[in-house]
Amino acid sequence: MSATIISGTEVAKAIREELKTEVADLKEKHAVVPGLVTILVGEDPASQSYVSAKNKTAHALGIHSEQITLPADTSEQDLLATVEKYNKDKNIHGILVQLPLPKHINETNVLYAIDPDKDVDGFHPVNVGKMVLGEECFLPCTPHGILELLSRSGVETSGAEVVVIGRSNIVGKPIANLMLQKRKAGNATITLCHTRTKDMAAHCKRADIIIAAVGVPKMVTADMVKDGVVVIDVGVNRIGKTADGKAILAGDVDFDAVKEKASYITPVPGGVGPMTITMLMKNTVQAAKQIAGVK
């Protein structure tokens, strides 16, 4: 058997159409225009590309978007002042500071300075705490996207054995927490593995669902999974270049081999990636509604 491909590109497209309608409705009925500011420090090419994609997506959905690019030698104090400016800006509902920041700036100080009501990345400890407690909050974008992929693909998670590989604050820890909760795409039994886990294969072979977010190319191989497993591959690893200089990407899963045993699998690229920016937009619209008091 060969797996059904879960296309993040297609799922993201559907969600963006929903958001476009929601944004238009907010404008027409409530005179509310969702606003997002992205703050970039320095000229890292990857960060520039990410920020550009976020602004392009926001514009396509009718979201007001501002991009602030600061010099690489910007002081932490000046960056904090910029964040505070947008904390107070009534036309901005979501604030995103693009990571990583230059080494002389303490990322924690900056992330904690963002108003939790405008923290559309879901990284502020107030939102993290609410997430752990199962309260309404901004969910971190990549885990949120994974939940949508599973739900919209009809994957049954209730009672499922889920192995999460990776313990980052951005993906591993939050997706493990979210999927054990009593929620849509939840109610699962979670095993959280990482690069120091002994006998990773033993855990993976038991899994009904594997979420790989460890940053090791093709770490999950076909002999580590059972027939019918659902695989969500979060990894994006550059493993070489084509003759014309384009990056060759691989996930954390050996896609070609594992797809012959899996029931569902996400590709890299085109799987989880497109969902992350889409969920950022969803959080921005949610923030605008909350701040404006719209149900």
Protein backbone atom coordinates (compact mmCIF):
# COMPACT_ATOMS: atom_id res chain seq x y z
CA MET A 1 0.00 0.00 0.00
CA SER A 2 1.05 3.58 -0.50
CA ALA A 3 0.01 6.34 1.85
CA THR A 4 -2.51 9.09 1.24
CA ILE A 5 -0.55 12.34 1.05
CA ILE A 6 -1.73 15.03 3.45
CA SER A 7 -1.17 18.21 1.48
CA GLY A 8 -0.54 21.14 3.78
CA THR A 9 -0.69 23.34 0.69
CA GLU A 10 -4.29 22.32 0.00
CA VAL A 11 -5.44 22.44 3.65
CA ALA A 12 -3.81 25.86 4.11
CA LYS A 13 -5.54 27.11 0.97
CA ALA A 14 -8.93 26.06 2.35
CA ILE A 15 -8.29 27.77 5.70
CA ARG A 16 -7.12 30.95 3.98
CA GLU A 17 -10.36 31.10 2.01
CA GLU A 18 -12.27 30.83 5.30
CA LEU A 19 -10.13 33.60 6.81
CA LYS A 20 -10.63 35.85 3.79
CA THR A 21 -14.38 35.63 4.32
CA GLU A 22 -13.98 36.24 8.06
CA VAL A 23 -11.80 39.31 7.50
CA ALA A 24 -14.28 40.76 5.00
CA ASP A 25 -17.08 40.16 7.48
CA LEU A 26 -15.17 41.94 10.26
CA LYS A 27 -14.62 44.95 8.01
CA GLU A 28 -18.21 45.15 6.78
CA LYS A 29 -20.12 44.45 10.00
CA HIS A 30 -17.78 45.76 12.69
CA ALA A 31 -15.41 48.21 10.91
CA VAL A 32 -12.48 46.15 12.22
CA VAL A 33 -9.41 45.62 10.05
CA PRO A 34 -7.08 42.98 11.56
CA GLY A 35 -3.55 44.38 11.80
CA LEU A 36 -0.23 42.54 11.98
CA VAL A 37 3.26 43.96 12.43
CA THR A 38 6.37 41.89 11.74
CA ILE A 39 9.63 43.14 13.25
CA LEU A 40 12.89 41.96 11.70
CA VAL A 41 16.31 42.79 13.12
CA GLY A 42 19.18 42.41 10.65
CA GLU A 43 19.33 41.00 7.14
CA ASP A 44 19.35 37.23 7.56
CA PRO A 45 18.17 35.92 4.14
CA ALA A 46 16.00 33.13 5.59
CA SER A 47 14.33 35.52 8.03
CA GLN A 48 13.76 38.06 5.26
CA SER A 49 12.11 35.36 3.17
CA TYR A 50 9.85 34.27 6.05
CA VAL A 51 8.79 37.82 6.85
CA SER A 52 8.11 38.57 3.19
CA ALA A 53 5.91 35.48 2.90
CA LYS A 54 3.97 36.46 6.03
CA ASN A 55 3.30 39.95 4.74
CA LYS A 56 2.31 38.67 1.30
CA THR A 57 -0.16 36.23 2.87
CA ALA A 58 -1.62 38.91 5.15
CA HIS A 59 -2.15 41.24 2.19
CA ALA A 60 -3.89 38.48 0.20
CA LEU A 61 -6.34 37.92 3.06
CA GLY A 62 -7.15 41.60 3.53
CA ILE A 63 -5.18 41.89 6.77
CA HIS A 64 -3.37 45.19 7.34
CA SER A 65 0.33 44.35 7.51
CA GLU A 66 3.36 46.42 8.48
CA GLN A 67 6.97 45.31 8.26
CA ILE A 68 9.60 46.97 10.43
CA THR A 69 13.21 46.20 9.52
CA LEU A 70 15.81 47.34 12.02
CA PRO A 71 19.63 47.31 11.62
CA ALA A 72 21.51 44.29 12.95
CA ASP A 73 23.22 46.48 15.58
CA THR A 74 19.91 47.71 17.03
CA SER A 75 20.12 47.70 20.83
CA GLU A 76 17.84 45.56 22.94
CA GLN A 77 16.44 48.73 24.51
CA ASP A 78 15.49 50.15 21.10
CA LEU A 79 13.86 46.88 20.05
CA LEU A 80 11.86 46.78 23.29
CA ALA A 81 10.76 50.36 22.63
CA THR A 82 9.56 49.32 19.17
CA VAL A 83 7.58 46.44 20.65
CA GLU A 84 6.02 48.75 23.21
CA LYS A 85 5.04 51.20 20.46
CA TYR A 86 2.97 48.49 18.78
CA ASN A 87 1.61 47.20 22.08
CA LYS A 88 -0.11 50.60 22.29
CA ASP A 89 -1.08 50.87 18.60
CA LYS A 90 -4.85 50.31 18.33
CA ASN A 91 -4.57 49.44 14.63
CA ILE A 92 -2.24 46.51 15.34
CA HIS A 93 -3.70 43.33 16.81
CA GLY A 94 -0.77 40.97 16.30
CA ILE A 95 2.96 41.48 16.93
CA LEU A 96 5.57 39.08 15.58
CA VAL A 97 9.28 39.49 16.26
CA GLN A 98 11.12 37.31 13.77
CA LEU A 99 13.58 34.89 15.36
CA PRO A 100 16.47 34.35 15.67
CA LEU A 101 17.61 37.73 16.96
CA PRO A 102 21.23 38.95 16.96
CA LYS A 103 23.26 37.45 19.81
CA HIS A 104 23.49 40.72 21.76
CA ILE A 105 19.69 40.75 22.22
CA ASN A 106 18.02 38.55 24.83
CA GLU A 107 15.16 36.80 23.00
CA THR A 108 13.32 36.01 26.24
CA ASN A 109 13.20 39.66 27.25
CA VAL A 110 11.75 40.60 23.87
CA LEU A 111 9.15 37.83 23.71
CA TYR A 112 8.02 38.59 27.27
CA ALA A 113 7.62 42.27 26.36
CA ILE A 114 4.92 41.56 23.78
CA ASP A 115 1.37 42.16 25.05
CA PRO A 116 -0.08 38.64 25.56
CA ASP A 117 -3.26 39.83 23.82
CA LYS A 118 -1.17 40.53 20.69
CA ASP A 119 1.16 37.51 20.96
CA VAL A 120 0.01 35.80 17.76
CA ASP A 121 3.04 33.47 17.79
CA GLY A 122 1.78 31.98 21.06
CA PHE A 123 5.21 32.18 22.74
CA HIS A 124 4.44 34.47 25.71
CA PRO A 125 4.40 32.55 29.03
CA VAL A 126 0.84 33.75 29.69
CA ASN A 127 -0.34 32.05 26.49
CA VAL A 128 1.84 29.00 27.09
CA GLY A 129 0.34 28.65 30.57
CA LYS A 130 -3.21 28.98 29.23
CA MET A 131 -2.42 26.38 26.57
CA VAL A 132 -1.21 23.90 29.19
CA LEU A 133 -4.37 24.50 31.25
CA GLY A 134 -6.57 24.05 28.19
CA GLU A 135 -7.88 27.63 28.30
CA GLU A 136 -8.60 29.75 25.25
CA CYS A 137 -5.40 31.36 23.98
CA PHE A 138 -3.23 31.81 20.92
CA LEU A 139 -1.86 28.38 20.07
CA PRO A 140 1.70 28.21 18.70
CA CYS A 141 1.39 28.19 14.94
CA THR A 142 3.10 24.96 13.89
CA PRO A 143 1.40 22.72 16.50
CA HIS A 144 -1.90 24.42 15.69
CA GLY A 145 -1.31 23.63 12.04
CA ILE A 146 -0.63 19.97 12.85
CA LEU A 147 -3.96 19.72 14.70
CA GLU A 148 -5.74 21.13 11.64
CA LEU A 149 -3.98 18.70 9.29
CA LEU A 150 -5.01 15.72 11.40
CA SER A 151 -8.57 16.93 11.92
CA ARG A 152 -9.27 17.93 8.32
CA SER A 153 -7.76 14.69 7.00
CA GLY A 154 -10.15 12.66 9.14
CA VAL A 155 -7.41 11.03 11.22
CA GLU A 156 -8.82 9.56 14.44
CA THR A 157 -6.72 10.71 17.39
CA SER A 158 -8.94 9.77 20.34
CA GLY A 159 -7.25 6.90 22.16
CA ALA A 160 -4.43 6.77 19.62
CA GLU A 161 -0.83 6.06 20.58
CA VAL A 162 1.10 9.16 19.49
CA VAL A 163 4.88 9.40 19.46
CA VAL A 164 6.29 12.93 19.28
CA ILE A 165 9.98 13.06 18.40
CA GLY A 166 11.50 16.36 19.53
CA ARG A 167 11.12 18.42 22.70
CA SER A 168 11.41 22.01 21.49
CA ASN A 169 9.28 24.76 22.98
CA ILE A 170 8.09 25.61 19.47
CA VAL A 171 6.80 22.20 18.33
CA GLY A 172 7.52 19.11 20.45
CA LYS A 173 6.34 20.17 23.89
CA PRO A 174 3.24 22.07 22.77
CA ILE A 175 1.96 19.45 20.31
CA ALA A 176 2.42 16.73 22.95
CA ASN A 177 0.45 18.81 25.45
CA LEU A 178 -2.31 19.72 23.01
CA MET A 179 -2.91 16.18 21.79
CA LEU A 180 -3.35 14.76 25.28
CA GLN A 181 -6.07 17.30 26.06
CA LYS A 182 -9.80 16.72 25.69
CA ARG A 183 -10.12 18.59 22.41
CA LYS A 184 -10.55 18.17 18.69
CA ALA A 185 -7.56 16.18 17.38
CA GLY A 186 -6.76 15.29 21.00
CA ASN A 187 -7.55 12.63 23.62
CA ALA A 188 -4.42 10.75 22.60
CA THR A 189 -1.87 8.83 24.64
CA ILE A 190 1.46 10.60 24.23
CA THR A 191 5.05 9.40 24.27
CA LEU A 192 7.57 12.24 23.95
CA CYS A 193 10.93 11.12 22.54
CA HIS A 194 14.11 13.03 21.72
CA THR A 195 17.69 12.51 20.58
CA ARG A 196 18.66 10.93 23.91
CA THR A 197 15.80 8.43 23.95
CA LYS A 198 16.98 4.83 24.24
CA ASP A 199 15.62 2.47 21.57
CA MET A 200 13.63 5.05 19.60
CA ALA A 201 12.44 2.33 17.23
CA ALA A 202 10.64 0.46 20.03
CA HIS A 203 8.51 3.53 20.76
CA CYS A 204 7.86 4.31 17.09
CA LYS A 205 6.77 0.75 16.25
CA ARG A 206 3.99 1.09 18.82
CA ALA A 207 2.71 4.38 17.42
CA ASP A 208 -0.52 4.93 15.54
CA ILE A 209 0.65 8.49 14.82
CA ILE A 210 4.24 9.77 14.62
CA ILE A 211 5.04 13.49 14.71
CA ALA A 212 8.70 14.00 13.82
CA ALA A 213 10.18 17.38 14.77
CA VAL A 214 13.79 16.66 15.71
CA GLY A 215 15.81 18.22 12.87
CA VAL A 216 17.67 15.07 11.78
CA PRO A 217 17.29 14.17 8.09
CA LYS A 218 15.48 10.87 7.41
CA MET A 219 15.83 9.77 11.03
CA VAL A 220 12.56 7.81 10.97
CA THR A 221 13.01 4.83 8.66
CA ALA A 222 10.59 2.22 7.36
CA ASP A 223 11.77 -0.46 9.77
CA MET A 224 10.82 1.80 12.70
CA VAL A 225 7.10 2.09 11.87
CA LYS A 226 4.14 -0.24 11.71
CA ASP A 227 1.77 -0.69 8.79
CA GLY A 228 -0.97 1.94 8.71
CA VAL A 229 0.85 4.55 10.78
CA VAL A 230 0.02 8.24 10.27
CA VAL A 231 3.16 10.36 9.86
CA ILE A 232 3.43 14.13 10.32
CA ASP A 233 6.91 15.27 9.30
CA VAL A 234 7.80 18.72 10.66
CA GLY A 235 11.48 18.56 9.73
CA VAL A 236 12.95 20.76 7.00
CA ASN A 237 16.60 19.85 6.48
CA ARG A 238 18.85 21.11 3.70
CA ILE A 239 20.84 18.10 2.49
CA GLY A 240 22.43 19.52 -0.63
CA LYS A 241 21.96 21.67 -3.72
CA THR A 242 20.78 21.03 -7.25
CA ALA A 243 22.96 21.86 -10.24
CA ASP A 244 21.30 25.27 -10.49
CA GLY A 245 21.92 26.02 -6.80
CA LYS A 246 18.48 25.31 -5.34
CA ALA A 247 18.36 23.67 -1.91
CA ILE A 248 17.50 19.99 -1.73
CA LEU A 249 15.20 19.45 1.26
CA ALA A 250 14.49 16.36 3.33
CA GLY A 251 12.25 15.82 6.31
CA ASP A 252 12.97 13.93 9.50
CA VAL A 253 11.28 10.91 7.90
CA ASP A 254 12.55 8.74 5.05
CA PHE A 255 9.53 9.69 2.95
CA ASP A 256 9.96 7.35 -0.04
CA ALA A 257 10.31 4.24 2.12
CA VAL A 258 7.88 5.11 4.92
CA LYS A 259 5.03 6.12 2.60
CA GLU A 260 4.83 2.48 1.46
CA LYS A 261 3.82 1.45 5.00
CA ALA A 262 1.93 4.53 6.24
CA SER A 263 -1.78 5.22 5.80
CA TYR A 264 -1.26 9.00 5.76
CA ILE A 265 1.92 11.06 5.48
CA THR A 266 2.92 14.70 4.98
CA PRO A 267 5.52 15.58 2.35
CA VAL A 268 8.51 17.91 2.72
CA PRO A 269 8.10 20.51 1.37
CA GLY A 270 4.35 21.07 1.08
CA GLY A 271 3.24 19.46 4.32
CA VAL A 272 3.40 21.23 7.67
CA GLY A 273 5.25 24.28 6.32
CA PRO A 274 2.35 26.05 4.58
CA MET A 275 0.23 25.62 7.71
CA THR A 276 2.47 27.67 9.99
CA ILE A 277 1.95 31.03 8.27
CA THR A 278 -1.74 30.25 7.81
CA MET A 279 -2.24 29.68 11.54
CA LEU A 280 -0.39 32.94 12.24
CA MET A 281 -3.05 34.67 10.16
CA LYS A 282 -5.79 32.79 12.00
CA ASN A 283 -4.35 33.98 15.33
CA THR A 284 -4.20 37.56 14.03
CA VAL A 285 -7.87 37.47 13.09
CA GLN A 286 -8.67 35.93 16.50
CA ALA A 287 -6.71 38.74 18.20
CA ALA A 288 -8.60 41.43 16.27
CA LYS A 289 -11.94 39.90 17.27
CA GLN A 290 -10.94 39.63 20.93
CA ILE A 291 -9.59 43.17 21.16
CA ALA A 292 -12.70 44.55 19.41
CA GLY A 293 -15.05 42.44 21.54
CA VAL A 294 -16.47 40.60 18.53
CA LYS A 295 -17.82 37.10 19.24
